[in-house]
Amino acid sequence: MASKTELLMSLRAVRQLRRVRAFYALGFVLWATSTAWTTWQSPGSRQMWASALLLAIFTGLLSVASVWLQRLRAHGTRPAHHALSRRTTTSGHAHA
């Protein structure tokens, strides 16, 4: 069984990865829109290729963050039900 500090660290990692994933998703949407607009306005231009490069970077970062989050979830790092843990600690049983 994982120690309490390991569990807290993994819960923090999950929260941080969710925030990072949301940031990367926003970047992906921004650069996808920019790439589509620039391609429509001036196909083959330097701005289009720069936008496409940034779109590829944010797509890769979003993919990696999603895979890491999936792996952390697969290891059973789900948020604890704090009300349940309080209820069991006040039941009078001693915990080692």
Protein backbone atom coordinates (compact mmCIF):
# COMPACT_ATOMS: atom_id res chain seq x y z
CA MET A 1 0.00 0.00 0.00
CA ALA A 2 1.23 3.47 -0.83
CA SER A 3 2.23 5.75 2.00
CA LYS A 4 0.22 8.85 2.80
CA THR A 5 2.86 11.19 1.33
CA GLU A 6 3.05 9.18 -1.89
CA LEU A 7 -0.72 9.36 -2.22
CA LEU A 8 -0.72 13.13 -1.64
CA MET A 9 2.09 13.58 -4.16
CA SER A 10 0.20 11.58 -6.77
CA LEU A 11 -3.02 13.50 -6.12
CA ARG A 12 -1.09 16.76 -6.56
CA ALA A 13 0.41 15.40 -9.76
CA VAL A 14 -3.05 14.54 -11.09
CA ARG A 15 -4.36 18.04 -10.26
CA GLN A 16 -1.34 19.68 -11.85
CA LEU A 17 -1.57 17.50 -14.96
CA ARG A 18 -5.25 18.41 -15.33
CA ARG A 19 -4.35 22.11 -15.23
CA VAL A 20 -1.49 21.64 -17.67
CA ARG A 21 -3.68 19.56 -19.97
CA ALA A 22 -6.30 22.33 -19.98
CA PHE A 23 -3.60 24.88 -20.84
CA TYR A 24 -2.30 22.70 -23.69
CA ALA A 25 -5.85 22.14 -24.95
CA LEU A 26 -6.37 25.90 -25.03
CA GLY A 27 -3.08 26.31 -26.91
CA PHE A 28 -4.13 23.60 -29.34
CA VAL A 29 -7.45 25.32 -30.06
CA LEU A 30 -5.73 28.69 -30.44
CA TRP A 31 -3.09 27.42 -32.85
CA ALA A 32 -5.55 25.26 -34.80
CA THR A 33 -7.68 28.35 -35.34
CA SER A 34 -4.65 30.43 -36.22
CA THR A 35 -3.35 27.81 -38.63
CA ALA A 36 -6.72 27.49 -40.35
CA TRP A 37 -7.05 31.28 -40.65
CA THR A 38 -3.50 31.77 -41.91
CA THR A 39 -3.84 28.91 -44.38
CA TRP A 40 -7.03 30.50 -45.70
CA GLN A 41 -5.48 33.97 -45.97
CA SER A 42 -2.02 33.13 -47.31
CA PRO A 43 -1.37 29.46 -47.99
CA GLY A 44 2.28 28.42 -47.96
CA SER A 45 3.47 31.54 -46.17
CA ARG A 46 6.06 31.63 -43.39
CA GLN A 47 3.34 32.58 -40.88
CA MET A 48 1.32 29.53 -41.85
CA TRP A 49 4.26 27.20 -41.32
CA ALA A 50 5.14 28.81 -37.97
CA SER A 51 1.55 28.42 -36.87
CA ALA A 52 1.52 24.81 -38.04
CA LEU A 53 4.73 24.14 -36.10
CA LEU A 54 3.24 25.59 -32.92
CA LEU A 55 0.09 23.55 -33.52
CA ALA A 56 2.21 20.38 -33.78
CA ILE A 57 4.08 21.28 -30.57
CA PHE A 58 0.89 21.86 -28.59
CA THR A 59 -0.64 18.68 -30.03
CA GLY A 60 2.38 16.70 -28.83
CA LEU A 61 2.34 18.30 -25.40
CA LEU A 62 -1.40 17.69 -25.05
CA SER A 63 -0.93 14.06 -26.05
CA VAL A 64 1.89 13.48 -23.57
CA ALA A 65 -0.02 15.13 -20.72
CA SER A 66 -3.09 13.03 -21.51
CA VAL A 67 -1.07 9.80 -21.57
CA TRP A 68 0.58 10.63 -18.24
CA LEU A 69 -2.80 11.42 -16.71
CA GLN A 70 -4.20 8.13 -17.99
CA ARG A 71 -1.25 6.24 -16.48
CA LEU A 72 -1.69 7.93 -13.12
CA ARG A 73 -5.39 7.10 -13.14
CA ALA A 74 -4.60 3.50 -14.05
CA HIS A 75 -2.43 3.16 -10.94
CA GLY A 76 -5.47 3.89 -8.79
CA THR A 77 -4.76 7.46 -7.74
CA ARG A 78 -8.30 8.64 -7.34
CA PRO A 79 -9.25 11.40 -4.94
CA ALA A 80 -10.26 10.05 -1.56
CA HIS A 81 -13.69 10.66 -0.11
CA HIS A 82 -12.71 12.75 2.86
CA ALA A 83 -16.09 12.47 4.55
CA LEU A 84 -15.81 8.70 4.43
CA SER A 85 -12.31 8.72 5.92
CA ARG A 86 -13.46 11.01 8.77
CA ARG A 87 -16.40 8.77 9.48
CA THR A 88 -14.20 5.69 9.76
CA THR A 89 -11.63 7.40 12.01
CA THR A 90 -14.30 8.55 14.46
CA SER A 91 -15.79 5.07 14.82
CA GLY A 92 -13.57 4.34 17.81
CA HIS A 93 -11.30 1.80 16.18
CA ALA A 94 -7.58 2.21 16.67
CA HIS A 95 -5.54 2.35 13.47
CA ALA A 96 -1.96 1.19 13.31
